[in-house]
Each structure stands twice: as structure tokens, then as C-alpha cells.
């Protein structure tokens, strides 16, 4: 079964340079991005049948991935200066 990976660079291709810059300049962002990538890899290993996990636990991992992606999207928006201030806290 083919499983689509969700690396940040695929989900935010127009933000490639900004992602690289933030990873180098902001340790909190870098940690968040690394956590996201590791979580995505773990989910893909389960979906590929390499690792096993029950459905509830897999769904929890997917929810964590979505939450991290939302945080990263807010960070990118805030760093680009295009944030209105209300959503980024």
C-alpha cells in the first residue's frame, strides 16, 4: 500500500526558504519542525505496516501532526509579517 508522506517542504513548498531560515535561526521552531517530521515518519511506518499501532493510537498521532502543522503554519505566517496578530498570539 502506498502511503503519502507529509513533509513540511511538500505541504509548504512556497515557504521553502523561510522554513530553512527559521530552522537555522529559531531553536523553538526547529524543534517543532523536527518533532513534526519525526511524527510524520512514525505515522507512515505504521501505515506502511512496518510498525504496529492500534487505530486509536494512530489517530491520536495524526491529530498531534495536524496540531503541529497548524502551529508551524502560524509561525510561518507570523515570521513573514503577514499575520494580523489575532491568530498568532
PDB file of N, CA and C in Angstrom:
ATOM      1  N   UNK A   1       0.835  -1.185   0.000  1.00  0.00           N
ATOM      2  CA  UNK A   1       0.000   0.000   0.000  1.00  0.00           C
ATOM      3  C   UNK A   1       0.880   1.248   0.000  1.00  0.00           C
ATOM      4  N   UNK A   2       0.619   2.160  -0.907  1.00  0.00           N
ATOM      5  CA  UNK A   2       1.379   3.402  -0.991  1.00  0.00           C
ATOM      6  C   UNK A   2       0.841   4.398   0.027  1.00  0.00           C
ATOM      7  N   UNK A   3       1.746   4.967   0.798  1.00  0.00           N
ATOM      8  CA  UNK A   3       1.367   5.949   1.813  1.00  0.00           C
ATOM      9  C   UNK A   3       2.017   7.278   1.461  1.00  0.00           C
ATOM     10  N   UNK A   4       1.212   8.336   1.463  1.00  0.00           N
ATOM     11  CA  UNK A   4       1.757   9.666   1.207  1.00  0.00           C
ATOM     12  C   UNK A   4       2.396  10.228   2.468  1.00  0.00           C
ATOM     13  N   UNK A   5       3.629  10.659   2.325  1.00  0.00           N
ATOM     14  CA  UNK A   5       4.300  11.340   3.423  1.00  0.00           C
ATOM     15  C   UNK A   5       3.892  12.804   3.374  1.00  0.00           C
ATOM     16  N   UNK A   6       3.977  13.464   4.502  1.00  0.00           N
ATOM     17  CA  UNK A   6       3.585  14.870   4.598  1.00  0.00           C
ATOM     18  C   UNK A   6       4.733  15.729   5.115  1.00  0.00           C
ATOM     19  N   UNK A   7       5.893  15.706   4.457  1.00  0.00           N
ATOM     20  CA  UNK A   7       6.975  16.565   4.939  1.00  0.00           C
ATOM     21  C   UNK A   7       6.588  18.035   4.791  1.00  0.00           C
ATOM     22  N   UNK A   8       7.129  18.855   5.654  1.00  0.00           N
ATOM     23  CA  UNK A   8       6.786  20.284   5.643  1.00  0.00           C
ATOM     24  C   UNK A   8       7.071  20.925   4.300  1.00  0.00           C
ATOM     25  N   UNK A   9       8.150  20.540   3.673  1.00  0.00           N
ATOM     26  CA  UNK A   9       8.527  21.143   2.395  1.00  0.00           C
ATOM     27  C   UNK A   9       7.492  20.825   1.314  1.00  0.00           C
ATOM     28  N   UNK A  10       6.810  19.695   1.433  1.00  0.00           N
ATOM     29  CA  UNK A  10       5.751  19.336   0.488  1.00  0.00           C
ATOM     30  C   UNK A  10       4.467  20.104   0.794  1.00  0.00           C
ATOM     31  N   UNK A  11       4.201  20.292   2.081  1.00  0.00           N
ATOM     32  CA  UNK A  11       2.985  20.987   2.479  1.00  0.00           C
ATOM     33  C   UNK A  11       3.095  22.504   2.346  1.00  0.00           C
ATOM     34  N   UNK A  12       4.315  23.015   2.415  1.00  0.00           N
ATOM     35  CA  UNK A  12       4.541  24.463   2.289  1.00  0.00           C
ATOM     36  C   UNK A  12       5.639  24.743   1.255  1.00  0.00           C
ATOM     37  N   UNK A  13       5.454  24.328   0.001  1.00  0.00           N
ATOM     38  CA  UNK A  13       6.534  24.476  -0.985  1.00  0.00           C
ATOM     39  C   UNK A  13       6.914  25.934  -1.238  1.00  0.00           C
ATOM     40  N   UNK A  14       5.978  26.836  -1.118  1.00  0.00           N
ATOM     41  CA  UNK A  14       6.263  28.253  -1.346  1.00  0.00           C
ATOM     42  C   UNK A  14       7.032  28.873  -0.183  1.00  0.00           C
ATOM     43  N   UNK A  15       7.172  28.133   0.905  1.00  0.00           N
ATOM     44  CA  UNK A  15       7.855  28.632   2.108  1.00  0.00           C
ATOM     45  C   UNK A  15       9.194  27.942   2.335  1.00  0.00           C
ATOM     46  N   UNK A  16       9.738  27.316   1.302  1.00  0.00           N
ATOM     47  CA  UNK A  16      10.982  26.548   1.435  1.00  0.00           C
ATOM     48  C   UNK A  16      12.107  27.363   2.098  1.00  0.00           C
ATOM     49  N   UNK A  17      12.378  28.549   1.574  1.00  0.00           N
ATOM     50  CA  UNK A  17      13.466  29.362   2.116  1.00  0.00           C
ATOM     51  C   UNK A  17      13.167  29.813   3.538  1.00  0.00           C
ATOM     52  N   UNK A  18      11.929  30.171   3.779  1.00  0.00           N
ATOM     53  CA  UNK A  18      11.539  30.619   5.120  1.00  0.00           C
ATOM     54  C   UNK A  18      11.652  29.464   6.129  1.00  0.00           C
ATOM     55  N   UNK A  19      11.257  28.269   5.724  1.00  0.00           N
ATOM     56  CA  UNK A  19      11.399  27.102   6.593  1.00  0.00           C
ATOM     57  C   UNK A  19      12.870  26.874   6.959  1.00  0.00           C
ATOM     58  N   UNK A  20      13.738  26.939   5.970  1.00  0.00           N
ATOM     59  CA  UNK A  20      15.166  26.724   6.222  1.00  0.00           C
ATOM     60  C   UNK A  20      15.736  27.810   7.130  1.00  0.00           C
ATOM     61  N   UNK A  21      15.358  29.047   6.866  1.00  0.00           N
ATOM     62  CA  UNK A  21      15.857  30.164   7.668  1.00  0.00           C
ATOM     63  C   UNK A  21      15.386  30.051   9.120  1.00  0.00           C
ATOM     64  N   UNK A  22      14.102  29.778   9.303  1.00  0.00           N
ATOM     65  CA  UNK A  22      13.577  29.656  10.666  1.00  0.00           C
ATOM     66  C   UNK A  22      14.202  28.483  11.411  1.00  0.00           C
ATOM     67  N   UNK A  23      14.444  27.397  10.715  1.00  0.00           N
ATOM     68  CA  UNK A  23      15.082  26.242  11.359  1.00  0.00           C
ATOM     69  C   UNK A  23      16.490  26.600  11.839  1.00  0.00           C
ATOM     70  N   UNK A  24      17.163  27.460  11.108  1.00  0.00           N
ATOM     71  CA  UNK A  24      18.517  27.853  11.487  1.00  0.00           C
ATOM     72  C   UNK A  24      18.530  28.925  12.571  1.00  0.00           C
ATOM     73  N   UNK A  25      17.544  29.809  12.570  1.00  0.00           N
ATOM     74  CA  UNK A  25      17.567  30.972  13.454  1.00  0.00           C
ATOM     75  C   UNK A  25      16.724  30.836  14.718  1.00  0.00           C
ATOM     76  N   UNK A  26      15.781  29.930  14.739  1.00  0.00           N
ATOM     77  CA  UNK A  26      14.838  29.828  15.853  1.00  0.00           C
ATOM     78  C   UNK A  26      14.835  28.391  16.370  1.00  0.00           C
ATOM     79  N   UNK A  27      15.469  28.170  17.529  1.00  0.00           N
ATOM     80  CA  UNK A  27      15.585  26.806  18.041  1.00  0.00           C
ATOM     81  C   UNK A  27      14.218  26.205  18.396  1.00  0.00           C
ATOM     82  N   UNK A  28      13.293  27.019  18.868  1.00  0.00           N
ATOM     83  CA  UNK A  28      11.954  26.501  19.187  1.00  0.00           C
ATOM     84  C   UNK A  28      11.242  26.046  17.921  1.00  0.00           C
ATOM     85  N   UNK A  29      11.363  26.836  16.856  1.00  0.00           N
ATOM     86  CA  UNK A  29      10.756  26.452  15.584  1.00  0.00           C
ATOM     87  C   UNK A  29      11.426  25.196  15.044  1.00  0.00           C
ATOM     88  N   UNK A  30      12.742  25.133  15.117  1.00  0.00           N
ATOM     89  CA  UNK A  30      13.478  23.959  14.621  1.00  0.00           C
ATOM     90  C   UNK A  30      13.040  22.701  15.357  1.00  0.00           C
ATOM     91  N   UNK A  31      12.877  22.799  16.661  1.00  0.00           N
ATOM     92  CA  UNK A  31      12.436  21.655  17.450  1.00  0.00           C
ATOM     93  C   UNK A  31      11.020  21.227  17.039  1.00  0.00           C
ATOM     94  N   UNK A  32      10.151  22.222  16.834  1.00  0.00           N
ATOM     95  CA  UNK A  32       8.779  21.939  16.416  1.00  0.00           C
ATOM     96  C   UNK A  32       8.763  21.269  15.038  1.00  0.00           C
ATOM     97  N   UNK A  33       9.566  21.779  14.120  1.00  0.00           N
ATOM     98  CA  UNK A  33       9.632  21.202  12.770  1.00  0.00           C
ATOM     99  C   UNK A  33      10.206  19.784  12.814  1.00  0.00           C
ATOM    100  N   UNK A  34      11.229  19.576  13.627  1.00  0.00           N
ATOM    101  CA  UNK A  34      11.808  18.236  13.769  1.00  0.00           C
ATOM    102  C   UNK A  34      10.800  17.267  14.376  1.00  0.00           C
ATOM    103  N   UNK A  35      10.066  17.727  15.395  1.00  0.00           N
ATOM    104  CA  UNK A  35       9.034  16.891  16.010  1.00  0.00           C
ATOM    105  C   UNK A  35       7.974  16.507  14.982  1.00  0.00           C
ATOM    106  N   UNK A  36       7.592  17.470  14.139  1.00  0.00           N
ATOM    107  CA  UNK A  36       6.597  17.211  13.101  1.00  0.00           C
ATOM    108  C   UNK A  36       7.105  16.142  12.134  1.00  0.00           C
ATOM    109  N   UNK A  37       8.336  16.306  11.669  1.00  0.00           N
ATOM    110  CA  UNK A  37       8.903  15.366  10.694  1.00  0.00           C
ATOM    111  C   UNK A  37       9.009  13.962  11.297  1.00  0.00           C
ATOM    112  N   UNK A  38       9.422  13.850  12.548  1.00  0.00           N
ATOM    113  CA  UNK A  38       9.521  12.543  13.200  1.00  0.00           C
ATOM    114  C   UNK A  38       8.143  11.908  13.364  1.00  0.00           C
ATOM    115  N   UNK A  39       7.167  12.708  13.740  1.00  0.00           N
ATOM    116  CA  UNK A  39       5.806  12.217  13.885  1.00  0.00           C
ATOM    117  C   UNK A  39       5.260  11.724  12.545  1.00  0.00           C
ATOM    118  N   UNK A  40       5.521  12.475  11.487  1.00  0.00           N
ATOM    119  CA  UNK A  40       5.080  12.070  10.150  1.00  0.00           C
ATOM    120  C   UNK A  40       5.726  10.747   9.746  1.00  0.00           C
ATOM    121  N   UNK A  41       7.010  10.603  10.012  1.00  0.00           N
ATOM    122  CA  UNK A  41       7.709   9.352   9.675  1.00  0.00           C
ATOM    123  C   UNK A  41       7.134   8.181  10.460  1.00  0.00           C
ATOM    124  N   UNK A  42       6.827   8.424  11.732  1.00  0.00           N
ATOM    125  CA  UNK A  42       6.270   7.343  12.558  1.00  0.00           C
ATOM    126  C   UNK A  42       4.900   6.919  12.028  1.00  0.00           C
ATOM    127  N   UNK A  43       4.065   7.875  11.682  1.00  0.00           N
ATOM    128  CA  UNK A  43       2.747   7.580  11.131  1.00  0.00           C
ATOM    129  C   UNK A  43       2.886   6.780   9.838  1.00  0.00           C
ATOM    130  N   UNK A  44       3.796   7.192   8.990  1.00  0.00           N
ATOM    131  CA  UNK A  44       3.997   6.491   7.720  1.00  0.00           C
ATOM    132  C   UNK A  44       4.494   5.064   7.936  1.00  0.00           C
ATOM    133  N   UNK A  45       5.367   4.854   8.935  1.00  0.00           N
ATOM    134  CA  UNK A  45       5.836   3.494   9.221  1.00  0.00           C
ATOM    135  C   UNK A  45       4.673   2.603   9.660  1.00  0.00           C
ATOM    136  N   UNK A  46       3.761   3.167  10.440  1.00  0.00           N
ATOM    137  CA  UNK A  46       2.586   2.394  10.864  1.00  0.00           C
ATOM    138  C   UNK A  46       1.691   2.109   9.660  1.00  0.00           C
ATOM    139  N   UNK A  47       1.434   3.131   8.851  1.00  0.00           N
ATOM    140  CA  UNK A  47       0.561   2.953   7.694  1.00  0.00           C
ATOM    141  C   UNK A  47       1.173   2.026   6.643  1.00  0.00           C
ATOM    142  N   UNK A  48       2.488   1.975   6.588  1.00  0.00           N
ATOM    143  CA  UNK A  48       3.178   1.066   5.659  1.00  0.00           C
ATOM    144  C   UNK A  48       3.248  -0.363   6.195  1.00  0.00           C
ATOM    145  N   UNK A  49       2.845  -0.557   7.450  1.00  0.00           N
ATOM    146  CA  UNK A  49       2.881  -1.882   8.048  1.00  0.00           C
ATOM    147  C   UNK A  49       4.217  -2.261   8.643  1.00  0.00           C
ATOM    148  N   UNK A  50       5.133  -1.318   8.714  1.00  0.00           N
ATOM    149  CA  UNK A  50       6.458  -1.581   9.285  1.00  0.00           C
ATOM    150  C   UNK A  50       6.362  -1.646  10.805  1.00  0.00           C
ATOM    151  N   UNK A  51       5.639  -0.718  11.396  1.00  0.00           N
ATOM    152  CA  UNK A  51       5.381  -0.688  12.835  1.00  0.00           C
ATOM    153  C   UNK A  51       3.896  -0.958  13.059  1.00  0.00           C
ATOM    154  N   UNK A  52       3.554  -1.392  14.250  1.00  0.00           N
ATOM    155  CA  UNK A  52       2.147  -1.636  14.559  1.00  0.00           C
ATOM    156  C   UNK A  52       1.675  -0.683  15.650  1.00  0.00           C
ATOM    157  N   UNK A  53       0.421  -0.317  15.528  1.00  0.00           N
ATOM    158  CA  UNK A  53      -0.215   0.582  16.488  1.00  0.00           C
ATOM    159  C   UNK A  53      -1.718   0.422  16.307  1.00  0.00           C
ATOM    160  N   UNK A  54      -2.464   0.456  17.387  1.00  0.00           N
ATOM    161  CA  UNK A  54      -3.911   0.322  17.227  1.00  0.00           C
ATOM    162  C   UNK A  54      -4.483   1.609  16.631  1.00  0.00           C
ATOM    163  N   UNK A  55      -5.699   1.515  16.118  1.00  0.00           N
ATOM    164  CA  UNK A  55      -6.321   2.632  15.399  1.00  0.00           C
ATOM    165  C   UNK A  55      -6.441   3.887  16.252  1.00  0.00           C
ATOM    166  N   UNK A  56      -6.805   3.724  17.515  1.00  0.00           N
ATOM    167  CA  UNK A  56      -6.968   4.893  18.390  1.00  0.00           C
ATOM    168  C   UNK A  56      -5.643   5.620  18.571  1.00  0.00           C
ATOM    169  N   UNK A  57      -4.577   4.872  18.787  1.00  0.00           N
ATOM    170  CA  UNK A  57      -3.257   5.479  18.965  1.00  0.00           C
ATOM    171  C   UNK A  57      -2.781   6.138  17.671  1.00  0.00           C
ATOM    172  N   UNK A  58      -3.027   5.500  16.538  1.00  0.00           N
ATOM    173  CA  UNK A  58      -2.648   6.088  15.250  1.00  0.00           C
ATOM    174  C   UNK A  58      -3.417   7.381  15.005  1.00  0.00           C
ATOM    175  N   UNK A  59      -4.703   7.375  15.305  1.00  0.00           N
ATOM    176  CA  UNK A  59      -5.497   8.596  15.138  1.00  0.00           C
ATOM    177  C   UNK A  59      -5.001   9.705  16.053  1.00  0.00           C
ATOM    178  N   UNK A  60      -4.563   9.365  17.254  1.00  0.00           N
ATOM    179  CA  UNK A  60      -4.011  10.369  18.173  1.00  0.00           C
ATOM    180  C   UNK A  60      -2.735  10.974  17.579  1.00  0.00           C
ATOM    181  N   UNK A  61      -1.889  10.143  17.000  1.00  0.00           N
ATOM    182  CA  UNK A  61      -0.667  10.649  16.359  1.00  0.00           C
ATOM    183  C   UNK A  61      -1.017  11.586  15.204  1.00  0.00           C
ATOM    184  N   UNK A  62      -2.034  11.220  14.442  1.00  0.00           N
ATOM    185  CA  UNK A  62      -2.446  12.068  13.318  1.00  0.00           C
ATOM    186  C   UNK A  62      -2.982  13.408  13.814  1.00  0.00           C
ATOM    187  N   UNK A  63      -3.693  13.402  14.923  1.00  0.00           N
ATOM    188  CA  UNK A  63      -4.205  14.655  15.498  1.00  0.00           C
ATOM    189  C   UNK A  63      -3.045  15.526  15.986  1.00  0.00           C
ATOM    190  N   UNK A  64      -2.037  14.895  16.567  1.00  0.00           N
ATOM    191  CA  UNK A  64      -0.851  15.633  17.003  1.00  0.00           C
ATOM    192  C   UNK A  64      -0.138  16.252  15.799  1.00  0.00           C
ATOM    193  N   UNK A  65      -0.068  15.498  14.703  1.00  0.00           N
ATOM    194  CA  UNK A  65       0.581  16.006  13.488  1.00  0.00           C
ATOM    195  C   UNK A  65      -0.164  17.223  12.949  1.00  0.00           C
ATOM    196  N   UNK A  66      -1.489  17.158  12.928  1.00  0.00           N
ATOM    197  CA  UNK A  66      -2.300  18.284  12.456  1.00  0.00           C
ATOM    198  C   UNK A  66      -2.080  19.506  13.350  1.00  0.00           C
ATOM    199  N   UNK A  67      -2.067  19.290  14.659  1.00  0.00           N
ATOM    200  CA  UNK A  67      -1.868  20.402  15.588  1.00  0.00           C
ATOM    201  C   UNK A  67      -0.495  21.045  15.392  1.00  0.00           C
ATOM    202  N   UNK A  68       0.527  20.221  15.215  1.00  0.00           N
ATOM    203  CA  UNK A  68       1.866  20.754  14.977  1.00  0.00           C
ATOM    204  C   UNK A  68       1.929  21.519  13.660  1.00  0.00           C
ATOM    205  N   UNK A  69       1.291  20.979  12.630  1.00  0.00           N
ATOM    206  CA  UNK A  69       1.295  21.663  11.337  1.00  0.00           C
ATOM    207  C   UNK A  69       0.602  23.019  11.450  1.00  0.00           C
ATOM    208  N   UNK A  70      -0.488  23.076  12.200  1.00  0.00           N
ATOM    209  CA  UNK A  70      -1.177  24.353  12.417  1.00  0.00           C
ATOM    210  C   UNK A  70      -0.283  25.353  13.130  1.00  0.00           C
ATOM    211  N   UNK A  71       0.445  24.892  14.148  1.00  0.00           N
ATOM    212  CA  UNK A  71       1.375  25.771  14.862  1.00  0.00           C
ATOM    213  C   UNK A  71       2.469  26.269  13.924  1.00  0.00           C
ATOM    214  N   UNK A  72       2.999  25.383  13.123  1.00  0.00           N
ATOM    215  CA  UNK A  72       4.062  25.750  12.178  1.00  0.00           C
ATOM    216  C   UNK A  72       3.538  26.747  11.153  1.00  0.00           C
ATOM    217  N   UNK A  73       2.327  26.531  10.665  1.00  0.00           N
ATOM    218  CA  UNK A  73       1.729  27.468   9.703  1.00  0.00           C
ATOM    219  C   UNK A  73       1.575  28.855  10.340  1.00  0.00           C
ATOM    220  N   UNK A  74       1.151  28.901  11.612  1.00  0.00           N
ATOM    221  CA  UNK A  74       1.040  30.197  12.306  1.00  0.00           C
ATOM    222  C   UNK A  74       2.413  30.845  12.464  1.00  0.00           C
ATOM    223  N   UNK A  75       3.416  30.043  12.810  1.00  0.00           N
ATOM    224  CA  UNK A  75       4.776  30.572  12.949  1.00  0.00           C
ATOM    225  C   UNK A  75       5.280  31.142  11.628  1.00  0.00           C
ATOM    226  N   UNK A  76       5.021  30.438  10.535  1.00  0.00           N
ATOM    227  CA  UNK A  76       5.451  30.913   9.220  1.00  0.00           C
ATOM    228  C   UNK A  76       4.748  32.217   8.857  1.00  0.00           C
ATOM    229  N   UNK A  77       3.476  32.266   9.133  1.00  0.00           N
ATOM    230  CA  UNK A  77       2.709  33.472   8.823  1.00  0.00           C
ATOM    231  C   UNK A  77       3.200  34.648   9.659  1.00  0.00           C
ATOM    232  N   UNK A  78       3.430  34.398  10.925  1.00  0.00           N
ATOM    233  CA  UNK A  78       3.919  35.438  11.821  1.00  0.00           C
ATOM    234  C   UNK A  78       5.310  35.929  11.380  1.00  0.00           C
ATOM    235  N   UNK A  79       6.177  35.007  11.019  1.00  0.00           N
ATOM    236  CA  UNK A  79       7.538  35.370  10.605  1.00  0.00           C
ATOM    237  C   UNK A  79       7.562  36.134   9.294  1.00  0.00           C
ATOM    238  N   UNK A  80       6.554  35.912   8.448  1.00  0.00           N
ATOM    239  CA  UNK A  80       6.520  36.601   7.160  1.00  0.00           C
ATOM    240  C   UNK A  80       5.969  38.022   7.286  1.00  0.00           C
ATOM    241  N   UNK A  81       5.435  38.327   8.470  1.00  0.00           N
ATOM    242  CA  UNK A  81       4.887  39.660   8.675  1.00  0.00           C
ATOM    243  C   UNK A  81       3.487  39.820   8.120  1.00  0.00           C
ATOM    244  N   UNK A  82       2.869  38.725   7.689  1.00  0.00           N
ATOM    245  CA  UNK A  82       1.537  38.829   7.096  1.00  0.00           C
ATOM    246  C   UNK A  82       0.437  38.474   8.097  1.00  0.00           C
ATOM    247  N   UNK A  83       0.809  38.315   9.349  1.00  0.00           N
ATOM    248  CA  UNK A  83      -0.170  37.939  10.357  1.00  0.00           C
ATOM    249  C   UNK A  83      -0.851  39.192  10.889  1.00  0.00           C
ATOM    250  N   UNK A  84      -2.149  39.059  11.124  1.00  0.00           N
ATOM    251  CA  UNK A  84      -2.926  40.179  11.650  1.00  0.00           C
ATOM    252  C   UNK A  84      -2.691  40.392  13.132  1.00  0.00           C
ATOM    253  N   UNK A  85      -2.106  39.398  13.797  1.00  0.00           N
ATOM    254  CA  UNK A  85      -1.834  39.494  15.219  1.00  0.00           C
ATOM    255  C   UNK A  85      -2.810  38.727  16.062  1.00  0.00           C
ATOM    256  N   UNK A  86      -4.016  38.527  15.599  1.00  0.00           N
ATOM    257  CA  UNK A  86      -5.017  37.837  16.395  1.00  0.00           C
ATOM    258  C   UNK A  86      -4.830  36.345  16.483  1.00  0.00           C
ATOM    259  N   UNK A  87      -4.399  35.718  15.381  1.00  0.00           N
ATOM    260  CA  UNK A  87      -4.322  34.253  15.360  1.00  0.00           C
ATOM    261  C   UNK A  87      -2.985  33.737  15.866  1.00  0.00           C
ATOM    262  N   UNK A  88      -1.992  34.548  15.868  1.00  0.00           N
ATOM    263  CA  UNK A  88      -0.644  34.063  16.158  1.00  0.00           C
ATOM    264  C   UNK A  88      -0.267  34.181  17.631  1.00  0.00           C
ATOM    265  N   UNK A  89      -1.029  34.898  18.367  1.00  0.00           N
ATOM    266  CA  UNK A  89      -0.766  35.027  19.795  1.00  0.00           C
ATOM    267  C   UNK A  89       0.515  35.692  20.056  1.00  0.00           C
TER     268      UNK A  89
END
